[in-house]
Protein backbone atom coordinates (compact mmCIF):
# COMPACT_ATOMS: atom_id res chain seq x y z
CA UNK A 1 121.17 99.05 57.65
CA UNK A 2 120.16 100.55 54.31
CA UNK A 3 116.95 99.65 52.46
CA UNK A 4 114.35 100.99 50.03
CA UNK A 5 110.67 100.03 49.81
CA UNK A 6 107.32 101.44 48.73
CA UNK A 7 105.25 103.58 51.09
CA UNK A 8 102.24 101.26 50.60
CA UNK A 9 104.14 98.14 51.69
CA UNK A 10 105.80 99.78 54.67
CA UNK A 11 102.58 101.46 55.79
CA UNK A 12 100.64 98.18 55.64
CA UNK A 13 103.38 96.35 57.52
CA UNK A 14 103.45 98.94 60.28
CA UNK A 15 99.66 98.86 60.58
CA UNK A 16 99.89 95.09 61.09
CA UNK A 17 102.53 95.05 63.84
CA UNK A 18 102.37 98.41 65.63
CA UNK A 19 98.94 97.96 67.22
CA UNK A 20 100.21 95.73 70.04
CA UNK A 21 103.23 97.93 70.82
CA UNK A 22 102.19 99.77 73.98
CA UNK A 23 103.88 101.93 76.58
CA UNK A 24 105.19 99.88 79.50
CA UNK A 25 106.82 101.63 82.46
CA UNK A 26 108.89 98.56 83.37
CA UNK A 27 110.02 97.88 79.79
CA UNK A 28 109.76 101.08 77.67
CA UNK A 29 111.09 99.35 74.54
CA UNK A 30 107.77 97.47 74.24
CA UNK A 31 106.41 100.71 72.72
CA UNK A 32 108.82 100.23 69.81
CA UNK A 33 108.76 98.37 66.51
CA UNK A 34 111.80 96.25 65.69
CA UNK A 35 113.10 96.79 62.13
CA UNK A 36 115.39 93.95 61.12
CA UNK A 37 117.17 93.34 57.80
CA UNK A 38 118.75 89.91 57.57
CA UNK A 39 119.64 87.81 54.51
CA UNK A 40 118.12 90.55 52.29
CA UNK A 41 114.72 90.24 54.02
CA UNK A 42 113.03 93.16 55.83
CA UNK A 43 111.10 92.10 58.94
CA UNK A 44 109.01 94.29 61.25
CA UNK A 45 108.16 93.00 64.74
CA UNK A 46 106.29 94.08 67.88
CA UNK A 47 105.33 92.37 71.12
CA UNK A 48 103.55 92.98 74.42
CA UNK A 49 105.18 89.85 75.92
CA UNK A 50 101.91 87.90 75.55
CA UNK A 51 101.49 88.30 71.79
CA UNK A 52 104.26 88.71 69.22
CA UNK A 53 103.66 89.80 65.62
CA UNK A 54 106.16 89.79 62.74
CA UNK A 55 105.73 90.57 59.05
CA UNK A 56 108.15 90.19 56.16
CA UNK A 57 108.05 92.89 53.47
CA UNK A 58 109.34 93.20 49.93
CA UNK A 59 112.22 95.68 49.77
CA UNK A 60 115.52 96.48 48.08
CA UNK A 61 118.32 95.73 50.54
CA UNK A 62 121.75 97.34 50.36
CA UNK A 63 122.94 96.64 53.88
CA UNK A 64 121.63 94.57 56.83
CA UNK A 65 121.14 95.53 60.45
CA UNK A 66 118.47 96.05 63.12
CA UNK A 67 117.07 98.92 65.17
CA UNK A 68 113.93 99.88 67.13
CA UNK A 69 111.86 103.08 67.05
CA UNK A 70 108.63 104.26 68.62
CA UNK A 71 105.89 102.28 66.87
CA UNK A 72 103.16 104.92 66.98
CA UNK A 73 105.45 107.73 65.81
CA UNK A 74 106.86 105.71 62.92
CA UNK A 75 103.43 104.43 61.82
CA UNK A 76 101.85 107.90 61.94
CA UNK A 77 104.76 109.43 60.02
CA UNK A 78 104.89 106.79 57.26
CA UNK A 79 101.09 106.95 56.80
CA UNK A 80 101.41 110.66 55.90
CA UNK A 81 104.08 110.19 53.22
CA UNK A 82 103.23 110.13 49.49
CA UNK A 83 102.85 106.75 47.80
CA UNK A 84 106.35 106.52 46.40
CA UNK A 85 109.74 104.98 47.20
CA UNK A 86 111.09 105.42 50.73
CA UNK A 87 114.81 105.13 51.56
CA UNK A 88 115.73 104.10 55.11
CA UNK A 89 119.22 104.16 56.60
CA UNK A 90 120.56 103.70 60.12
CA UNK A 91 122.95 106.36 61.36
CA UNK A 92 124.05 106.16 65.00
CA UNK A 93 120.97 106.29 67.22
CA UNK A 94 118.79 107.73 64.44
CA UNK A 95 116.72 106.16 61.70
CA UNK A 96 117.01 108.34 58.59
CA UNK A 97 113.95 108.26 56.35
CA UNK A 98 113.88 109.97 52.96
CA UNK A 99 111.44 110.21 50.09
CA UNK A 100 111.06 112.71 47.27
CA UNK A 101 110.33 115.84 49.35
CA UNK A 102 110.76 114.65 52.94
CA UNK A 103 113.79 114.02 55.15
CA UNK A 104 113.37 112.81 58.71
CA UNK A 105 115.45 111.44 61.57
CA UNK A 106 113.71 109.39 64.25
CA UNK A 107 115.55 108.60 67.47
CA UNK A 108 115.43 105.00 68.63
CA UNK A 109 116.98 102.30 70.78
CA UNK A 110 119.33 99.41 70.02
CA UNK A 111 117.71 96.14 68.99
CA UNK A 112 119.72 94.29 71.64
CA UNK A 113 117.25 95.57 74.27
CA UNK A 114 114.20 94.25 72.36
CA UNK A 115 112.57 91.09 73.84
CA UNK A 116 113.05 87.87 71.89
CA UNK A 117 109.83 86.74 70.17
CA UNK A 118 109.52 82.93 70.39
CA UNK A 119 109.47 80.88 67.19
CA UNK A 120 107.48 77.79 66.35
CA UNK A 121 108.62 75.35 63.69
CA UNK A 122 106.34 75.53 60.68
CA UNK A 123 105.44 71.86 60.66
CA UNK A 124 102.07 70.07 60.43
CA UNK A 125 99.82 73.12 60.06
CA UNK A 126 96.06 73.17 60.43
CA UNK A 127 94.83 75.12 57.38
CA UNK A 128 91.61 77.14 57.24
CA UNK A 129 90.07 79.83 55.03
CA UNK A 130 90.93 83.27 56.41
CA UNK A 131 87.53 84.89 55.81
CA UNK A 132 85.69 81.98 57.42
CA UNK A 133 87.99 82.14 60.44
CA UNK A 134 87.60 85.90 60.82
CA UNK A 135 83.81 85.53 60.80
CA UNK A 136 84.02 82.72 63.38
CA UNK A 137 86.09 84.90 65.73
CA UNK A 138 83.45 87.65 65.44
CA UNK A 139 80.46 85.40 66.21
CA UNK A 140 81.91 83.67 69.29
CA UNK A 141 84.36 86.06 70.99
CA UNK A 142 81.64 88.37 72.37
CA UNK A 143 80.47 85.54 74.68
CA UNK A 144 83.83 85.18 76.47
CA UNK A 145 83.83 85.70 80.24
CA UNK A 146 85.40 88.96 81.40
CA UNK A 147 85.88 87.63 84.95
CA UNK A 148 89.39 86.62 86.01
CA UNK A 149 88.15 84.17 88.65
CA UNK A 150 87.81 81.37 86.05
CA UNK A 151 90.72 81.82 83.61
CA UNK A 152 89.72 78.78 81.54
CA UNK A 153 86.55 80.54 80.30
CA UNK A 154 88.29 83.92 79.83
CA UNK A 155 89.53 82.55 76.49
CA UNK A 156 88.06 80.90 73.41
CA UNK A 157 87.94 77.11 73.21
CA UNK A 158 89.32 75.68 69.96
CA UNK A 159 88.84 72.01 69.19
CA UNK A 160 90.59 70.45 66.21
CA UNK A 161 88.80 67.48 64.72
CA UNK A 162 89.66 65.46 61.61
CA UNK A 163 87.52 67.60 59.30
CA UNK A 164 86.50 70.59 61.43
CA UNK A 165 87.68 73.27 63.80
CA UNK A 166 85.24 74.25 66.56
CA UNK A 167 85.37 77.64 68.28
CA UNK A 168 83.32 78.15 71.43
CA UNK A 169 83.01 80.79 74.16
CA UNK A 170 80.92 81.12 77.30
CA UNK A 171 80.54 83.35 80.35
CA UNK A 172 78.26 80.82 82.14
CA UNK A 173 75.13 82.80 81.18
CA UNK A 174 75.34 82.20 77.42
CA UNK A 175 77.38 80.13 75.00
CA UNK A 176 78.33 80.57 71.33
CA UNK A 177 79.73 77.76 69.16
CA UNK A 178 80.85 77.89 65.52
CA UNK A 179 82.02 74.95 63.39
CA UNK A 180 84.38 75.44 60.44
CA UNK A 181 85.65 73.10 57.76
CA UNK A 182 89.40 72.51 57.72
CA UNK A 183 90.79 73.29 54.27
CA UNK A 184 93.59 70.73 54.53
CA UNK A 185 96.68 69.99 56.59
CA UNK A 186 96.99 68.42 60.04
CA UNK A 187 94.21 66.06 61.15
CA UNK A 188 95.49 65.48 64.69
CA UNK A 189 92.83 66.11 67.31
CA UNK A 190 93.63 68.81 69.88
CA UNK A 191 91.72 70.89 72.43
CA UNK A 192 93.16 74.27 73.43
CA UNK A 193 92.13 77.60 74.98
CA UNK A 194 93.24 80.80 73.21
CA UNK A 195 93.27 84.25 74.90
CA UNK A 196 90.44 86.28 73.39
CA UNK A 197 92.79 89.25 72.83
CA UNK A 198 94.93 87.04 70.59
CA UNK A 199 91.99 86.23 68.34
CA UNK A 200 90.79 89.84 68.33
CA UNK A 201 94.28 90.95 67.25
CA UNK A 202 94.31 88.30 64.52
CA UNK A 203 90.90 89.51 63.30
CA UNK A 204 92.20 93.11 63.20
CA UNK A 205 95.27 92.03 61.21
CA UNK A 206 93.11 90.16 58.70
CA UNK A 207 91.12 93.37 58.28
CA UNK A 208 94.28 95.28 57.28
CA UNK A 209 94.55 93.18 54.12
CA UNK A 210 92.06 93.93 51.37
CA UNK A 211 90.56 90.53 50.70
CA UNK A 212 89.05 89.58 47.38
CA UNK A 213 85.28 89.16 47.22
CA UNK A 214 85.74 85.51 46.30
CA UNK A 215 86.14 83.22 49.30
CA UNK A 216 88.36 80.92 47.23
CA UNK A 217 90.82 83.78 46.73
CA UNK A 218 90.74 85.11 50.28
CA UNK A 219 93.73 82.97 51.22
CA UNK A 220 94.28 80.46 54.00
CA UNK A 221 95.58 80.77 57.54
CA UNK A 222 98.08 78.21 58.75
CA UNK A 223 97.87 77.32 62.46
CA UNK A 224 100.87 75.82 64.26
CA UNK A 225 100.79 74.44 67.80
CA UNK A 226 103.19 73.49 70.56
CA UNK A 227 102.25 72.41 74.07
CA UNK A 228 101.67 75.95 75.34
CA UNK A 229 101.87 78.27 72.30
CA UNK A 230 99.99 78.89 69.06
CA UNK A 231 101.10 80.64 65.87
CA UNK A 232 98.89 81.94 63.06
CA UNK A 233 100.58 82.54 59.68
CA UNK A 234 98.93 84.57 56.93
CA UNK A 235 100.26 86.59 54.01
CA UNK A 236 103.79 86.96 55.42
CA UNK A 237 102.51 87.68 58.94
CA UNK A 238 103.25 85.44 61.93
CA UNK A 239 101.25 86.02 65.14
CA UNK A 240 102.42 83.98 68.12
CA UNK A 241 100.72 83.76 71.50
CA UNK A 242 100.69 81.77 74.70
CA UNK A 243 97.76 79.41 75.35
CA UNK A 244 95.63 79.46 78.50
CA UNK A 245 96.35 76.54 80.80
CA UNK A 246 93.53 74.42 82.14
CA UNK A 247 90.65 72.36 80.85
CA UNK A 248 87.65 73.95 79.16
CA UNK A 249 84.31 72.85 80.66
CA UNK A 250 82.36 70.24 78.68
CA UNK A 251 79.75 72.70 77.46
CA UNK A 252 78.11 70.17 75.12
CA UNK A 253 76.20 68.79 78.13
CA UNK A 254 74.04 71.92 78.37
CA UNK A 255 73.03 72.00 74.70
CA UNK A 256 69.48 70.56 74.57
CA UNK A 257 68.95 67.71 72.08
CA UNK A 258 65.13 67.79 72.27
CA UNK A 259 62.66 70.64 72.51
CA UNK A 260 58.92 71.14 73.08
CA UNK A 261 58.60 74.32 71.01
CA UNK A 262 60.36 75.47 67.86
CA UNK A 263 59.90 79.03 66.61
CA UNK A 264 61.01 80.43 63.24
CA UNK A 265 60.78 84.20 62.79
CA UNK A 266 62.22 87.02 60.70
CA UNK A 267 65.47 88.00 62.35
CA UNK A 268 65.20 91.76 61.70
CA UNK A 269 61.65 91.82 63.09
CA UNK A 270 62.88 90.06 66.22
CA UNK A 271 65.82 92.45 66.65
CA UNK A 272 63.55 95.53 66.34
CA UNK A 273 60.99 94.12 68.77
CA UNK A 274 63.63 93.19 71.37
CA UNK A 275 65.31 96.61 71.04
CA UNK A 276 61.92 98.29 71.58
CA UNK A 277 61.18 96.18 74.66
CA UNK A 278 64.69 96.81 76.01
CA UNK A 279 63.73 100.45 76.62
CA UNK A 280 61.30 99.31 79.33
CA UNK A 281 63.28 96.61 81.15
CA UNK A 282 64.22 96.68 84.82
CA UNK A 283 67.64 98.23 85.37
CA UNK A 284 70.24 95.59 86.26
CA UNK A 285 67.93 92.70 85.27
CA UNK A 286 67.30 93.62 81.61
CA UNK A 287 64.46 91.10 81.39
CA UNK A 288 62.16 90.64 78.40
CA UNK A 289 59.44 88.00 78.34
CA UNK A 290 58.78 86.07 75.14
CA UNK A 291 55.40 84.30 74.87
CA UNK A 292 55.13 81.89 71.95
CA UNK A 293 51.47 81.54 70.96
CA UNK A 294 51.09 78.43 68.80
CA UNK A 295 47.41 79.06 68.04
CA UNK A 296 47.88 82.59 66.65
CA UNK A 297 51.38 81.89 65.26
CA UNK A 298 52.90 84.92 66.97
CA UNK A 299 55.57 85.96 69.44
CA UNK A 300 54.46 88.42 72.14
CA UNK A 301 57.46 90.29 73.62
CA UNK A 302 56.76 92.23 76.81
CA UNK A 303 58.73 94.25 79.33
CA UNK A 304 57.89 96.57 82.20
CA UNK A 305 59.69 98.82 84.63
CA UNK A 306 58.48 100.97 87.51
CA UNK A 307 60.72 103.78 86.24
CA UNK A 308 59.98 103.83 82.50
CA UNK A 309 56.68 102.07 81.87
CA UNK A 310 55.77 98.99 79.85
CA UNK A 311 55.77 97.70 76.29
CA UNK A 312 54.24 94.90 74.24
CA UNK A 313 55.44 93.98 70.73
CA UNK A 314 53.90 91.26 68.57
CA UNK A 315 55.52 89.65 65.54
CA UNK A 316 54.44 86.79 63.27
CA UNK A 317 56.23 83.45 63.51
CA UNK A 318 56.00 79.81 62.52
CA UNK A 319 55.55 77.84 65.74
CA UNK A 320 55.79 74.07 65.96
CA UNK A 321 54.82 72.29 69.17
CA UNK A 322 53.13 73.62 72.28
CA UNK A 323 52.67 77.24 73.31
CA UNK A 324 55.47 78.28 75.63
CA UNK A 325 57.24 81.23 77.27
CA UNK A 326 60.64 82.25 78.57
CA UNK A 327 62.27 85.32 80.18
CA UNK A 328 65.70 86.34 78.85
CA UNK A 329 68.32 89.04 79.33
CA UNK A 330 67.78 91.27 76.30
CA UNK A 331 71.53 91.99 75.95
CA UNK A 332 72.27 88.28 75.55
CA UNK A 333 69.34 87.78 73.19
CA UNK A 334 70.36 90.68 70.93
CA UNK A 335 73.98 89.47 70.83
CA UNK A 336 72.77 86.15 69.48
CA UNK A 337 70.29 87.56 66.96
CA UNK A 338 72.87 90.01 65.60
CA UNK A 339 75.48 87.30 65.07
CA UNK A 340 73.60 84.38 63.54
CA UNK A 341 73.98 85.84 60.04
CA UNK A 342 70.61 84.67 58.74
CA UNK A 343 67.34 86.25 57.61
CA UNK A 344 65.39 83.69 59.62
CA UNK A 345 66.14 82.88 63.26
CA UNK A 346 65.26 79.55 64.85
CA UNK A 347 64.47 79.50 68.59
CA UNK A 348 64.05 76.19 70.43
CA UNK A 349 62.92 75.85 74.06
CA UNK A 350 61.49 73.30 76.49
CA UNK A 351 60.23 75.60 79.23
CA UNK A 352 61.00 78.82 81.08
CA UNK A 353 63.62 77.16 83.29
CA UNK A 354 65.71 75.45 80.59
CA UNK A 355 68.34 76.84 78.19
CA UNK A 356 67.08 78.63 75.07
CA UNK A 357 68.69 77.60 71.76
CA UNK A 358 69.14 80.13 68.97
CA UNK A 359 70.49 79.26 65.50
CA UNK A 360 70.24 80.33 61.85
CA UNK A 361 67.58 78.62 59.76
CA UNK A 362 68.94 76.00 57.36
CA UNK A 363 72.45 75.87 58.87
CA UNK A 364 73.93 73.64 61.54
CA UNK A 365 77.34 75.34 61.90
CA UNK A 366 76.36 77.90 64.56
CA UNK A 367 74.48 77.57 67.84
CA UNK A 368 73.90 80.10 70.61
CA UNK A 369 72.56 79.16 74.04
CA UNK A 370 71.06 81.57 76.60
CA UNK A 371 70.26 80.66 80.19
CA UNK A 372 66.81 81.98 81.20
CA UNK A 373 65.99 84.43 83.97
CA UNK A 374 64.00 82.21 86.31
CA UNK A 375 60.78 83.69 87.63
């Protein structure tokens, strides 16, 4: 193996793949990055056996071959080199790396010991804007269940419709759902569950690339599916992962279609008031009470604790319907307010024992549901 490439390209490629390469006592080679040169194409790969990531890089190829070296060591070393041409050559069990004023040998292991990363045929892709998808991952993944007792809700639901992709996550106490427009491609309807770590890794990879300010120029992600695997392709990167088996609960049944009270308030004012009240909630319950006063057009947020004291915050709001109240976990409420991406928040409730709906004003692509703390 003998190749040359720029420091910038190699550094970016290593940042993409090396993150999932981790030490594994049973299979130490999982801490390595696979460097493969085949048919004059340089490919970097890493896997943790659940997720596999590969990236193809531009390079000048003199001789093919493959080898693996410690991912963290190689990434840290390349990141410190000057932004100039790097020459890489395989010699025995060493990877020789040279640039203008640096010469290094890194010991490695044969590629024959590296696990095979599955491949999916690139046929019938679902295509979606990368920036939109990254935002969708951010605003739903926080609601995923961390419990292993119900594996089907430990991942993110993804529903493919003819025009849309729906992402949803729940931990039984709250639910987040985001709808996205499909750019083009496959229109076949599918329902799958993706491990949350897969989507978080995809989001991190998208962050490695410096996207243009224009959404139109941000580039698209292609999504390929088999019965039990998913692959995301973007900018020369392929991320492949297993899917979670099982059926996702029909969460649409708990989303209220009617409400007795609708409240519209400034989102930042709400966040500040809830954060203030959170300082005086009962430990382990984290309860804040929201009273919606239709006559005075205000929200009264109260909390009290035997240990810390009590607090009342009042903010102005537009209130339609009857006066009402509800008690919520402030953590769940803040998560929703901080992710709706809108200056104005819309809250809809029926009573203190029914789910609370939170969404951005003027948009119908995001909804967040919180189950109340019953008094």
